PDB file of all heavy atoms in Angstrom:
ATOM      1  N   LEU A   1      15.707  37.480 -87.507  1.00  0.00           N
ATOM      2  CA  LEU A   1      16.515  38.666 -87.291  1.00  0.00           C
ATOM      3  C   LEU A   1      17.240  38.874 -88.576  1.00  0.00           C
ATOM      4  O   LEU A   1      17.615  38.025 -89.298  1.00  0.00           O
ATOM      5  CB  LEU A   1      17.537  38.274 -86.135  1.00  0.00           C
ATOM      6  CG  LEU A   1      17.107  38.138 -84.745  1.00  0.00           C
ATOM      7  CD1 LEU A   1      16.446  36.678 -84.563  1.00  0.00           C
ATOM      8  CD2 LEU A   1      18.200  38.393 -83.771  1.00  0.00           C
ATOM      9  N   ASN A   2      17.522  40.161 -88.737  1.00  0.00           N
ATOM     10  CA  ASN A   2      18.432  40.721 -89.851  1.00  0.00           C
ATOM     11  C   ASN A   2      19.631  41.201 -88.977  1.00  0.00           C
ATOM     12  O   ASN A   2      19.497  42.273 -88.294  1.00  0.00           O
ATOM     13  CB  ASN A   2      17.790  41.871 -90.646  1.00  0.00           C
ATOM     14  CG  ASN A   2      16.716  41.355 -91.738  1.00  0.00           C
ATOM     15  OD1 ASN A   2      16.788  40.209 -91.985  1.00  0.00           O
ATOM     16  ND2 ASN A   2      15.883  42.218 -91.935  1.00  0.00           N
ATOM     17  N   LEU A   3      20.729  40.647 -89.256  1.00  0.00           N
ATOM     18  CA  LEU A   3      22.023  40.960 -88.638  1.00  0.00           C
ATOM     19  C   LEU A   3      22.826  41.843 -89.602  1.00  0.00           C
ATOM     20  O   LEU A   3      22.664  41.726 -90.822  1.00  0.00           O
ATOM     21  CB  LEU A   3      22.787  39.750 -88.234  1.00  0.00           C
ATOM     22  CG  LEU A   3      22.156  38.683 -87.465  1.00  0.00           C
ATOM     23  CD1 LEU A   3      23.043  37.492 -87.105  1.00  0.00           C
ATOM     24  CD2 LEU A   3      21.644  39.278 -86.023  1.00  0.00           C
ATOM     25  N   ILE A   4      23.560  42.795 -88.930  1.00  0.00           N
ATOM     26  CA  ILE A   4      24.407  43.730 -89.767  1.00  0.00           C
ATOM     27  C   ILE A   4      25.685  44.039 -89.106  1.00  0.00           C
ATOM     28  O   ILE A   4      25.725  43.945 -87.861  1.00  0.00           O
ATOM     29  CB  ILE A   4      23.611  44.973 -90.027  1.00  0.00           C
ATOM     30  CG1 ILE A   4      24.146  45.817 -91.128  1.00  0.00           C
ATOM     31  CG2 ILE A   4      23.358  45.719 -88.813  1.00  0.00           C
ATOM     32  CD1 ILE A   4      23.414  47.033 -91.492  1.00  0.00           C
ATOM     33  N   GLU A   5      26.664  44.177 -89.928  1.00  0.00           N
ATOM     34  CA  GLU A   5      27.983  44.756 -89.412  1.00  0.00           C
ATOM     35  C   GLU A   5      28.303  46.080 -90.168  1.00  0.00           C
ATOM     36  O   GLU A   5      28.147  46.068 -91.332  1.00  0.00           O
ATOM     37  CB  GLU A   5      29.139  43.627 -89.596  1.00  0.00           C
ATOM     38  CG  GLU A   5      30.437  44.289 -89.003  1.00  0.00           C
ATOM     39  CD  GLU A   5      31.576  43.318 -89.199  1.00  0.00           C
ATOM     40  OE1 GLU A   5      31.225  42.087 -89.532  1.00  0.00           O
ATOM     41  OE2 GLU A   5      32.781  43.641 -88.970  1.00  0.00           O
ATOM     42  N   GLN A   6      28.594  47.094 -89.382  1.00  0.00           N
ATOM     43  CA  GLN A   6      28.714  48.391 -90.000  1.00  0.00           C
ATOM     44  C   GLN A   6      30.103  48.872 -89.880  1.00  0.00           C
ATOM     45  O   GLN A   6      30.918  48.571 -88.999  1.00  0.00           O
ATOM     46  CB  GLN A   6      27.800  49.478 -89.314  1.00  0.00           C
ATOM     47  CG  GLN A   6      26.223  49.138 -89.545  1.00  0.00           C
ATOM     48  CD  GLN A   6      25.401  50.226 -89.096  1.00  0.00           C
ATOM     49  OE1 GLN A   6      25.080  51.206 -89.908  1.00  0.00           O
ATOM     50  NE2 GLN A   6      24.893  50.068 -87.835  1.00  0.00           N
ATOM     51  N   GLU A   7      30.561  49.745 -90.799  1.00  0.00           N
ATOM     52  CA  GLU A   7      31.732  50.451 -90.700  1.00  0.00           C
ATOM     53  C   GLU A   7      31.493  51.905 -91.094  1.00  0.00           C
ATOM     54  O   GLU A   7      31.082  52.178 -92.135  1.00  0.00           O
ATOM     55  CB  GLU A   7      32.658  49.872 -91.724  1.00  0.00           C
ATOM     56  CG  GLU A   7      34.069  50.398 -91.553  1.00  0.00           C
ATOM     57  CD  GLU A   7      35.135  49.549 -92.454  1.00  0.00           C
ATOM     58  OE1 GLU A   7      34.661  49.050 -93.480  1.00  0.00           O
ATOM     59  OE2 GLU A   7      36.408  49.587 -92.235  1.00  0.00           O
ATOM     60  N   GLU A   8      31.894  52.837 -90.099  1.00  0.00           N
ATOM     61  CA  GLU A   8      31.605  54.203 -90.444  1.00  0.00           C
ATOM     62  C   GLU A   8      30.131  54.504 -90.771  1.00  0.00           C
ATOM     63  O   GLU A   8      29.893  55.255 -91.693  1.00  0.00           O
ATOM     64  CB  GLU A   8      32.555  54.823 -91.455  1.00  0.00           C
ATOM     65  CG  GLU A   8      34.053  54.783 -91.111  1.00  0.00           C
ATOM     66  CD  GLU A   8      34.873  55.300 -92.186  1.00  0.00           C
ATOM     67  OE1 GLU A   8      34.327  55.647 -93.253  1.00  0.00           O
ATOM     68  OE2 GLU A   8      36.167  55.386 -91.934  1.00  0.00           O
ATOM     69  N   GLN A   9      29.234  53.878 -89.978  1.00  0.00           N
ATOM     70  CA  GLN A   9      27.857  53.950 -90.107  1.00  0.00           C
ATOM     71  C   GLN A   9      27.342  53.522 -91.484  1.00  0.00           C
ATOM     72  O   GLN A   9      26.181  53.911 -91.865  1.00  0.00           O
ATOM     73  CB  GLN A   9      27.445  55.497 -89.912  1.00  0.00           C
ATOM     74  CG  GLN A   9      27.802  56.108 -88.670  1.00  0.00           C
ATOM     75  CD  GLN A   9      27.303  55.415 -87.440  1.00  0.00           C
ATOM     76  OE1 GLN A   9      26.066  55.063 -87.430  1.00  0.00           O
ATOM     77  NE2 GLN A   9      28.148  55.254 -86.490  1.00  0.00           N
ATOM     78  N   ARG A  10      27.954  52.622 -92.162  1.00  0.00           N
ATOM     79  CA  ARG A  10      27.514  52.116 -93.414  1.00  0.00           C
ATOM     80  C   ARG A  10      27.640  50.554 -93.351  1.00  0.00           C
ATOM     81  O   ARG A  10      28.538  50.028 -92.736  1.00  0.00           O
ATOM     82  CB  ARG A  10      28.391  52.575 -94.626  1.00  0.00           C
ATOM     83  CG  ARG A  10      28.316  54.109 -94.773  1.00  0.00           C
ATOM     84  CD  ARG A  10      29.112  54.503 -95.985  1.00  0.00           C
ATOM     85  NE  ARG A  10      28.395  53.950 -97.273  1.00  0.00           N
ATOM     86  CZ  ARG A  10      28.925  54.127 -98.487  1.00  0.00           C
ATOM     87  NH1 ARG A  10      30.018  54.910 -98.731  1.00  0.00           N
ATOM     88  NH2 ARG A  10      28.394  53.684 -99.591  1.00  0.00           N
ATOM     89  N   PRO A  11      26.524  49.869 -93.925  1.00  0.00           N
ATOM     90  CA  PRO A  11      26.593  48.392 -93.783  1.00  0.00           C
ATOM     91  C   PRO A  11      27.778  47.807 -94.503  1.00  0.00           C
ATOM     92  O   PRO A  11      28.167  48.140 -95.650  1.00  0.00           O
ATOM     93  CB  PRO A  11      25.360  47.968 -94.512  1.00  0.00           C
ATOM     94  CG  PRO A  11      24.489  49.324 -94.473  1.00  0.00           C
ATOM     95  CD  PRO A  11      25.409  50.473 -94.552  1.00  0.00           C
ATOM     96  N   LYS A  12      28.546  46.853 -93.705  1.00  0.00           N
ATOM     97  CA  LYS A  12      29.621  46.291 -94.276  1.00  0.00           C
ATOM     98  C   LYS A  12      29.217  44.839 -94.697  1.00  0.00           C
ATOM     99  O   LYS A  12      29.842  44.196 -95.716  1.00  0.00           O
ATOM    100  CB  LYS A  12      30.773  46.209 -93.308  1.00  0.00           C
ATOM    101  CG  LYS A  12      32.052  45.602 -93.691  1.00  0.00           C
ATOM    102  CD  LYS A  12      33.039  45.687 -92.589  1.00  0.00           C
ATOM    103  CE  LYS A  12      34.398  45.070 -92.960  1.00  0.00           C
ATOM    104  NZ  LYS A  12      35.392  45.149 -91.926  1.00  0.00           N
ATOM    105  N   ALA A  13      28.254  44.199 -93.945  1.00  0.00           N
ATOM    106  CA  ALA A  13      27.870  42.865 -94.248  1.00  0.00           C
ATOM    107  C   ALA A  13      26.411  42.621 -93.636  1.00  0.00           C
ATOM    108  O   ALA A  13      26.047  43.325 -92.606  1.00  0.00           O
ATOM    109  CB  ALA A  13      28.776  41.699 -93.577  1.00  0.00           C
ATOM    110  N   LYS A  14      25.621  41.750 -94.231  1.00  0.00           N
ATOM    111  CA  LYS A  14      24.325  41.489 -93.737  1.00  0.00           C
ATOM    112  C   LYS A  14      23.997  40.047 -93.857  1.00  0.00           C
ATOM    113  O   LYS A  14      24.689  39.245 -94.650  1.00  0.00           O
ATOM    114  CB  LYS A  14      23.160  42.174 -94.560  1.00  0.00           C
ATOM    115  CG  LYS A  14      23.270  43.711 -94.527  1.00  0.00           C
ATOM    116  CD  LYS A  14      22.191  44.276 -95.490  1.00  0.00           C
ATOM    117  CE  LYS A  14      22.089  45.696 -95.371  1.00  0.00           C
ATOM    118  NZ  LYS A  14      21.073  46.340 -96.153  1.00  0.00           N
ATOM    119  N   ALA A  15      23.182  39.623 -92.943  1.00  0.00           N
ATOM    120  CA  ALA A  15      22.873  38.043 -92.966  1.00  0.00           C
ATOM    121  C   ALA A  15      21.438  37.970 -92.160  1.00  0.00           C
ATOM    122  O   ALA A  15      21.071  38.786 -91.308  1.00  0.00           O
ATOM    123  CB  ALA A  15      23.962  37.217 -92.324  1.00  0.00           C
ATOM    124  N   LYS A  16      20.867  36.829 -92.574  1.00  0.00           N
ATOM    125  CA  LYS A  16      19.495  36.508 -91.835  1.00  0.00           C
ATOM    126  C   LYS A  16      19.837  35.445 -90.805  1.00  0.00           C
ATOM    127  O   LYS A  16      20.748  34.589 -90.996  1.00  0.00           O
ATOM    128  CB  LYS A  16      18.550  35.960 -92.884  1.00  0.00           C
ATOM    129  CG  LYS A  16      18.031  36.951 -93.854  1.00  0.00           C
ATOM    130  CD  LYS A  16      17.114  36.369 -94.857  1.00  0.00           C
ATOM    131  CE  LYS A  16      16.599  37.380 -95.841  1.00  0.00           C
ATOM    132  NZ  LYS A  16      15.698  36.727 -96.814  1.00  0.00           N
ATOM    133  N   ALA A  17      19.057  35.566 -89.719  1.00  0.00           N
ATOM    134  CA  ALA A  17      19.329  34.598 -88.586  1.00  0.00           C
ATOM    135  C   ALA A  17      17.865  34.167 -88.053  1.00  0.00           C
ATOM    136  O   ALA A  17      16.943  34.925 -88.169  1.00  0.00           O
ATOM    137  CB  ALA A  17      20.083  35.186 -87.475  1.00  0.00           C
ATOM    138  N   LEU A  18      17.709  33.059 -87.538  1.00  0.00           N
ATOM    139  CA  LEU A  18      16.346  32.524 -86.980  1.00  0.00           C
ATOM    140  C   LEU A  18      16.695  32.009 -85.537  1.00  0.00           C
ATOM    141  O   LEU A  18      17.773  31.324 -85.176  1.00  0.00           O
ATOM    142  CB  LEU A  18      15.977  31.308 -87.906  1.00  0.00           C
ATOM    143  CG  LEU A  18      15.538  31.648 -89.246  1.00  0.00           C
ATOM    144  CD1 LEU A  18      16.769  31.224 -90.221  1.00  0.00           C
ATOM    145  CD2 LEU A  18      14.350  30.865 -89.781  1.00  0.00           C
ATOM    146  N   LEU A  19      15.784  32.302 -84.747  1.00  0.00           N
ATOM    147  CA  LEU A  19      15.723  31.792 -83.330  1.00  0.00           C
ATOM    148  C   LEU A  19      14.553  30.930 -83.161  1.00  0.00           C
ATOM    149  O   LEU A  19      13.381  31.462 -83.074  1.00  0.00           O
ATOM    150  CB  LEU A  19      15.795  33.021 -82.425  1.00  0.00           C
ATOM    151  CG  LEU A  19      15.761  32.610 -80.901  1.00  0.00           C
ATOM    152  CD1 LEU A  19      17.005  31.747 -80.585  1.00  0.00           C
ATOM    153  CD2 LEU A  19      15.657  33.868 -80.034  1.00  0.00           C
ATOM    154  N   TYR A  20      14.732  29.684 -83.008  1.00  0.00           N
ATOM    155  CA  TYR A  20      13.620  28.791 -82.855  1.00  0.00           C
ATOM    156  C   TYR A  20      13.151  28.697 -81.335  1.00  0.00           C
ATOM    157  O   TYR A  20      14.084  29.031 -80.472  1.00  0.00           O
ATOM    158  CB  TYR A  20      13.978  27.412 -83.376  1.00  0.00           C
ATOM    159  CG  TYR A  20      14.264  27.290 -84.756  1.00  0.00           C
ATOM    160  CD1 TYR A  20      15.576  27.250 -85.328  1.00  0.00           C
ATOM    161  CD2 TYR A  20      13.111  27.350 -85.783  1.00  0.00           C
ATOM    162  CE1 TYR A  20      15.731  27.162 -86.771  1.00  0.00           C
ATOM    163  CE2 TYR A  20      13.390  27.316 -87.035  1.00  0.00           C
ATOM    164  CZ  TYR A  20      14.694  27.306 -87.621  1.00  0.00           C
ATOM    165  OH  TYR A  20      14.886  27.187 -88.941  1.00  0.00           O
ATOM    166  N   ALA A  21      11.963  28.284 -81.211  1.00  0.00           N
ATOM    167  CA  ALA A  21      11.344  28.205 -79.806  1.00  0.00           C
ATOM    168  C   ALA A  21      12.156  27.513 -78.862  1.00  0.00           C
ATOM    169  O   ALA A  21      12.407  27.814 -77.642  1.00  0.00           O
ATOM    170  CB  ALA A  21       9.988  27.812 -79.864  1.00  0.00           C
ATOM    171  N   SER A  22      12.663  26.312 -79.254  1.00  0.00           N
ATOM    172  CA  SER A  22      13.427  25.531 -78.350  1.00  0.00           C
ATOM    173  C   SER A  22      14.711  26.231 -77.787  1.00  0.00           C
ATOM    174  O   SER A  22      15.061  26.161 -76.556  1.00  0.00           O
ATOM    175  CB  SER A  22      13.872  24.118 -78.990  1.00  0.00           C
ATOM    176  OG  SER A  22      14.665  24.481 -80.210  1.00  0.00           O
ATOM    177  N   SER A  23      15.523  26.791 -78.700  1.00  0.00           N
ATOM    178  CA  SER A  23      16.655  27.591 -78.173  1.00  0.00           C
ATOM    179  C   SER A  23      16.206  28.852 -77.533  1.00  0.00           C
ATOM    180  O   SER A  23      16.970  29.124 -76.490  1.00  0.00           O
ATOM    181  CB  SER A  23      17.478  27.986 -79.441  1.00  0.00           C
ATOM    182  OG  SER A  23      18.033  26.857 -80.208  1.00  0.00           O
ATOM    183  N   ARG A  24      15.270  29.465 -77.899  1.00  0.00           N
ATOM    184  CA  ARG A  24      14.750  30.595 -77.159  1.00  0.00           C
ATOM    185  C   ARG A  24      14.353  30.397 -75.662  1.00  0.00           C
ATOM    186  O   ARG A  24      14.810  31.010 -74.808  1.00  0.00           O
ATOM    187  CB  ARG A  24      13.526  31.308 -77.816  1.00  0.00           C
ATOM    188  CG  ARG A  24      13.116  32.680 -77.222  1.00  0.00           C
ATOM    189  CD  ARG A  24      11.941  33.276 -77.870  1.00  0.00           C
ATOM    190  NE  ARG A  24      10.794  32.674 -77.676  1.00  0.00           N
ATOM    191  CZ  ARG A  24      10.010  31.846 -78.400  1.00  0.00           C
ATOM    192  NH1 ARG A  24      10.477  31.748 -79.623  1.00  0.00           N
ATOM    193  NH2 ARG A  24       8.892  31.396 -77.997  1.00  0.00           N
ATOM    194  N   HIS A  25      13.762  29.265 -75.476  1.00  0.00           N
ATOM    195  CA  HIS A  25      13.208  28.785 -74.097  1.00  0.00           C
ATOM    196  C   HIS A  25      14.569  28.555 -73.286  1.00  0.00           C
ATOM    197  O   HIS A  25      14.687  28.867 -72.096  1.00  0.00           O
ATOM    198  CB  HIS A  25      12.303  27.680 -74.145  1.00  0.00           C
ATOM    199  CG  HIS A  25      11.025  27.928 -74.752  1.00  0.00           C
ATOM    200  ND1 HIS A  25      10.304  29.093 -74.528  1.00  0.00           N
ATOM    201  CD2 HIS A  25      10.189  27.172 -75.569  1.00  0.00           C
ATOM    202  CE1 HIS A  25       9.170  29.089 -75.074  1.00  0.00           C
ATOM    203  NE2 HIS A  25       9.046  28.012 -75.774  1.00  0.00           N
ATOM    204  N   ARG A  26      15.452  27.822 -73.848  1.00  0.00           N
ATOM    205  CA  ARG A  26      16.688  27.480 -73.104  1.00  0.00           C
ATOM    206  C   ARG A  26      17.456  28.695 -72.793  1.00  0.00           C
ATOM    207  O   ARG A  26      18.063  28.803 -71.639  1.00  0.00           O
ATOM    208  CB  ARG A  26      17.478  26.469 -74.016  1.00  0.00           C
ATOM    209  CG  ARG A  26      18.796  26.109 -73.436  1.00  0.00           C
ATOM    210  CD  ARG A  26      19.417  25.003 -74.113  1.00  0.00           C
ATOM    211  NE  ARG A  26      19.364  25.184 -75.733  1.00  0.00           N
ATOM    212  CZ  ARG A  26      20.279  25.994 -76.274  1.00  0.00           C
ATOM    213  NH1 ARG A  26      21.189  26.756 -75.601  1.00  0.00           N
ATOM    214  NH2 ARG A  26      20.104  26.137 -77.596  1.00  0.00           N
ATOM    215  N   ILE A  27      17.750  29.574 -73.705  1.00  0.00           N
ATOM    216  CA  ILE A  27      18.448  30.823 -73.441  1.00  0.00           C
ATOM    217  C   ILE A  27      17.844  31.737 -72.453  1.00  0.00           C
ATOM    218  O   ILE A  27      18.415  32.211 -71.529  1.00  0.00           O
ATOM    219  CB  ILE A  27      18.797  31.482 -74.742  1.00  0.00           C
ATOM    220  CG1 ILE A  27      19.570  30.651 -75.779  1.00  0.00           C
ATOM    221  CG2 ILE A  27      19.611  32.900 -74.453  1.00  0.00           C
ATOM    222  CD1 ILE A  27      19.733  31.228 -77.143  1.00  0.00           C
ATOM    223  N   SER A  28      16.505  31.945 -72.620  1.00  0.00           N
ATOM    224  CA  SER A  28      15.826  32.880 -71.767  1.00  0.00           C
ATOM    225  C   SER A  28      15.733  32.346 -70.307  1.00  0.00           C
ATOM    226  O   SER A  28      15.761  33.019 -69.341  1.00  0.00           O
ATOM    227  CB  SER A  28      14.431  33.125 -72.281  1.00  0.00           C
ATOM    228  OG  SER A  28      13.655  31.971 -72.394  1.00  0.00           O
ATOM    229  N   LYS A  29      15.755  30.973 -70.202  1.00  0.00           N
ATOM    230  CA  LYS A  29      15.675  30.292 -68.873  1.00  0.00           C
ATOM    231  C   LYS A  29      17.002  30.537 -68.165  1.00  0.00           C
ATOM    232  O   LYS A  29      17.026  30.731 -67.125  1.00  0.00           O
ATOM    233  CB  LYS A  29      15.397  28.742 -68.983  1.00  0.00           C
ATOM    234  CG  LYS A  29      15.258  28.246 -67.677  1.00  0.00           C
ATOM    235  CD  LYS A  29      14.839  26.596 -67.894  1.00  0.00           C
ATOM    236  CE  LYS A  29      14.796  25.946 -66.550  1.00  0.00           C
ATOM    237  NZ  LYS A  29      14.470  24.556 -66.756  1.00  0.00           N
ATOM    238  N   LYS A  30      18.008  30.547 -69.018  1.00  0.00           N
ATOM    239  CA  LYS A  30      19.400  30.764 -68.492  1.00  0.00           C
ATOM    240  C   LYS A  30      19.633  32.209 -67.990  1.00  0.00           C
ATOM    241  O   LYS A  30      20.216  32.513 -66.914  1.00  0.00           O
ATOM    242  CB  LYS A  30      20.549  30.268 -69.475  1.00  0.00           C
ATOM    243  CG  LYS A  30      21.945  30.439 -68.945  1.00  0.00           C
ATOM    244  CD  LYS A  30      22.935  30.041 -69.948  1.00  0.00           C
ATOM    245  CE  LYS A  30      22.911  30.988 -71.170  1.00  0.00           C
ATOM    246  NZ  LYS A  30      23.918  30.581 -72.253  1.00  0.00           N
ATOM    247  N   LEU A  31      19.256  33.175 -68.788  1.00  0.00           N
ATOM    248  CA  LEU A  31      19.558  34.595 -68.619  1.00  0.00           C
ATOM    249  C   LEU A  31      18.392  35.379 -68.086  1.00  0.00           C
ATOM    250  O   LEU A  31      18.577  36.491 -67.620  1.00  0.00           O
ATOM    251  CB  LEU A  31      19.824  35.199 -70.033  1.00  0.00           C
ATOM    252  CG  LEU A  31      21.046  34.633 -70.789  1.00  0.00           C
ATOM    253  CD1 LEU A  31      21.226  35.358 -72.070  1.00  0.00           C
ATOM    254  CD2 LEU A  31      22.247  34.652 -69.918  1.00  0.00           C
ATOM    255  N   GLY A  32      17.271  34.806 -67.913  1.00  0.00           N
ATOM    256  CA  GLY A  32      16.053  35.599 -67.294  1.00  0.00           C
ATOM    257  C   GLY A  32      15.670  36.801 -68.201  1.00  0.00           C
ATOM    258  O   GLY A  32      15.778  36.682 -69.375  1.00  0.00           O
ATOM    259  N   ASP A  33      15.325  37.886 -67.548  1.00  0.00           N
ATOM    260  CA  ASP A  33      14.938  39.045 -68.168  1.00  0.00           C
ATOM    261  C   ASP A  33      15.910  39.724 -68.996  1.00  0.00           C
ATOM    262  O   ASP A  33      15.806  40.411 -69.910  1.00  0.00           O
ATOM    263  CB  ASP A  33      14.365  40.087 -67.275  1.00  0.00           C
ATOM    264  CG  ASP A  33      12.922  39.747 -66.593  1.00  0.00           C
ATOM    265  OD1 ASP A  33      12.356  38.796 -67.264  1.00  0.00           O
ATOM    266  OD2 ASP A  33      12.651  40.179 -65.479  1.00  0.00           O
ATOM    267  N   THR A  34      17.295  39.390 -68.566  1.00  0.00           N
ATOM    268  CA  THR A  34      18.438  39.824 -69.315  1.00  0.00           C
ATOM    269  C   THR A  34      18.439  39.457 -70.885  1.00  0.00           C
ATOM    270  O   THR A  34      18.789  40.313 -71.705  1.00  0.00           O
ATOM    271  CB  THR A  34      19.758  39.374 -68.766  1.00  0.00           C
ATOM    272  OG1 THR A  34      19.798  39.775 -67.345  1.00  0.00           O
ATOM    273  CG2 THR A  34      20.991  39.958 -69.513  1.00  0.00           C
ATOM    274  N   PHE A  35      17.851  38.418 -71.102  1.00  0.00           N
ATOM    275  CA  PHE A  35      17.764  37.795 -72.466  1.00  0.00           C
ATOM    276  C   PHE A  35      16.897  38.918 -73.372  1.00  0.00           C
ATOM    277  O   PHE A  35      17.390  39.295 -74.386  1.00  0.00           O
ATOM    278  CB  PHE A  35      17.027  36.519 -72.570  1.00  0.00           C
ATOM    279  CG  PHE A  35      16.794  35.955 -73.931  1.00  0.00           C
ATOM    280  CD1 PHE A  35      17.743  35.676 -74.843  1.00  0.00           C
ATOM    281  CD2 PHE A  35      15.463  36.092 -74.294  1.00  0.00           C
ATOM    282  CE1 PHE A  35      17.499  35.285 -76.089  1.00  0.00           C
ATOM    283  CE2 PHE A  35      15.197  35.495 -75.610  1.00  0.00           C
ATOM    284  CZ  PHE A  35      16.124  35.175 -76.514  1.00  0.00           C
ATOM    285  N   TRP A  36      15.798  39.356 -72.819  1.00  0.00           N
ATOM    286  CA  TRP A  36      14.975  40.230 -73.638  1.00  0.00           C
ATOM    287  C   TRP A  36      15.483  41.543 -73.551  1.00  0.00           C
ATOM    288  O   TRP A  36      15.177  42.364 -74.475  1.00  0.00           O
ATOM    289  CB  TRP A  36      13.543  40.210 -72.995  1.00  0.00           C
ATOM    290  CG  TRP A  36      12.916  38.843 -73.109  1.00  0.00           C
ATOM    291  CD1 TRP A  36      12.663  37.975 -72.078  1.00  0.00           C
ATOM    292  CD2 TRP A  36      12.604  38.164 -74.285  1.00  0.00           C
ATOM    293  NE1 TRP A  36      12.112  36.827 -72.638  1.00  0.00           N
ATOM    294  CE2 TRP A  36      11.999  36.918 -73.837  1.00  0.00           C
ATOM    295  CE3 TRP A  36      12.546  38.516 -75.569  1.00  0.00           C
ATOM    296  CZ2 TRP A  36      11.555  35.991 -74.974  1.00  0.00           C
ATOM    297  CZ3 TRP A  36      12.139  37.641 -76.612  1.00  0.00           C
ATOM    298  CH2 TRP A  36      11.662  36.297 -76.162  1.00  0.00           C
ATOM    299  N   SER A  37      16.366  41.965 -72.696  1.00  0.00           N
ATOM    300  CA  SER A  37      16.975  43.368 -72.689  1.00  0.00           C
ATOM    301  C   SER A  37      17.987  43.394 -73.771  1.00  0.00           C
ATOM    302  O   SER A  37      18.241  44.366 -74.368  1.00  0.00           O
ATOM    303  CB  SER A  37      17.662  43.574 -71.246  1.00  0.00           C
ATOM    304  OG  SER A  37      16.666  43.588 -70.310  1.00  0.00           O
ATOM    305  N   ILE A  38      18.630  42.224 -74.093  1.00  0.00           N
ATOM    306  CA  ILE A  38      19.603  42.164 -75.193  1.00  0.00           C
ATOM    307  C   ILE A  38      19.036  41.921 -76.505  1.00  0.00           C
ATOM    308  O   ILE A  38      19.488  42.617 -77.496  1.00  0.00           O
ATOM    309  CB  ILE A  38      20.560  40.950 -74.887  1.00  0.00           C
ATOM    310  CG1 ILE A  38      21.345  41.306 -73.525  1.00  0.00           C
ATOM    311  CG2 ILE A  38      21.555  40.813 -76.048  1.00  0.00           C
ATOM    312  CD1 ILE A  38      22.292  40.220 -73.130  1.00  0.00           C
ATOM    313  N   MET A  39      18.050  41.156 -76.633  1.00  0.00           N
ATOM    314  CA  MET A  39      17.397  40.881 -77.947  1.00  0.00           C
ATOM    315  C   MET A  39      16.536  41.960 -78.309  1.00  0.00           C
ATOM    316  O   MET A  39      15.264  41.813 -78.305  1.00  0.00           O
ATOM    317  CB  MET A  39      16.687  39.526 -77.906  1.00  0.00           C
ATOM    318  CG  MET A  39      17.674  38.194 -77.690  1.00  0.00           C
ATOM    319  SD  MET A  39      18.678  37.938 -79.062  1.00  0.00           S
ATOM    320  CE  MET A  39      17.554  37.479 -80.249  1.00  0.00           C
ATOM    321  N   ARG A  40      17.101  43.017 -78.893  1.00  0.00           N
ATOM    322  CA  ARG A  40      16.327  44.119 -79.386  1.00  0.00           C
ATOM    323  C   ARG A  40      17.062  44.795 -80.388  1.00  0.00           C
ATOM    324  O   ARG A  40      18.343  44.704 -80.557  1.00  0.00           O
ATOM    325  CB  ARG A  40      15.957  45.026 -78.258  1.00  0.00           C
ATOM    326  CG  ARG A  40      17.225  45.652 -77.503  1.00  0.00           C
ATOM    327  CD  ARG A  40      16.745  46.445 -76.284  1.00  0.00           C
ATOM    328  NE  ARG A  40      17.932  47.035 -75.678  1.00  0.00           N
ATOM    329  CZ  ARG A  40      17.747  47.713 -74.567  1.00  0.00           C
ATOM    330  NH1 ARG A  40      16.554  47.944 -73.939  1.00  0.00           N
ATOM    331  NH2 ARG A  40      18.821  48.191 -73.922  1.00  0.00           N
ATOM    332  N   GLU A  41      16.315  45.499 -81.282  1.00  0.00           N
ATOM    333  CA  GLU A  41      16.995  46.119 -82.469  1.00  0.00           C
ATOM    334  C   GLU A  41      17.995  47.297 -81.950  1.00  0.00           C
ATOM    335  O   GLU A  41      17.717  47.934 -81.050  1.00  0.00           O
ATOM    336  CB  GLU A  41      15.878  46.912 -83.364  1.00  0.00           C
ATOM    337  CG  GLU A  41      14.975  45.745 -83.957  1.00  0.00           C
ATOM    338  CD  GLU A  41      13.831  46.409 -84.699  1.00  0.00           C
ATOM    339  OE1 GLU A  41      13.814  47.665 -84.791  1.00  0.00           O
ATOM    340  OE2 GLU A  41      13.069  45.652 -85.287  1.00  0.00           O
ATOM    341  N   GLY A  42      19.046  47.307 -82.669  1.00  0.00           N
ATOM    342  CA  GLY A  42      20.133  48.359 -82.393  1.00  0.00           C
ATOM    343  C   GLY A  42      21.107  47.721 -81.431  1.00  0.00           C
ATOM    344  O   GLY A  42      22.099  48.416 -81.206  1.00  0.00           O
ATOM    345  N   GLN A  43      20.954  46.565 -80.858  1.00  0.00           N
ATOM    346  CA  GLN A  43      21.757  45.992 -79.851  1.00  0.00           C
ATOM    347  C   GLN A  43      22.868  45.141 -80.494  1.00  0.00           C
ATOM    348  O   GLN A  43      22.711  44.360 -81.398  1.00  0.00           O
ATOM    349  CB  GLN A  43      20.923  45.146 -78.822  1.00  0.00           C
ATOM    350  CG  GLN A  43      21.891  44.389 -77.771  1.00  0.00           C
ATOM    351  CD  GLN A  43      22.533  45.500 -76.862  1.00  0.00           C
ATOM    352  OE1 GLN A  43      21.820  46.322 -76.265  1.00  0.00           O
ATOM    353  NE2 GLN A  43      23.766  45.549 -76.793  1.00  0.00           N
ATOM    354  N   GLU A  44      24.222  45.258 -80.083  1.00  0.00           N
ATOM    355  CA  GLU A  44      25.271  44.541 -80.579  1.00  0.00           C
ATOM    356  C   GLU A  44      25.336  43.304 -79.738  1.00  0.00           C
ATOM    357  O   GLU A  44      25.318  43.461 -78.470  1.00  0.00           O
ATOM    358  CB  GLU A  44      26.654  45.363 -80.572  1.00  0.00           C
ATOM    359  CG  GLU A  44      27.739  44.677 -81.234  1.00  0.00           C
ATOM    360  CD  GLU A  44      29.052  45.589 -81.401  1.00  0.00           C
ATOM    361  OE1 GLU A  44      28.930  46.635 -80.823  1.00  0.00           O
ATOM    362  OE2 GLU A  44      29.916  45.001 -82.073  1.00  0.00           O
TER     363      GLU A  44
END
């Protein structure tokens, strides 16, 4: 993932993030389909 924080539609900060399989399985099991609805580009 490329994470971003914007101010007035301009990047204020950027960072890289990684989601490993173990964490993904645990989170998606807890949230169900909601997890994939949130994990998408443009979502805060």
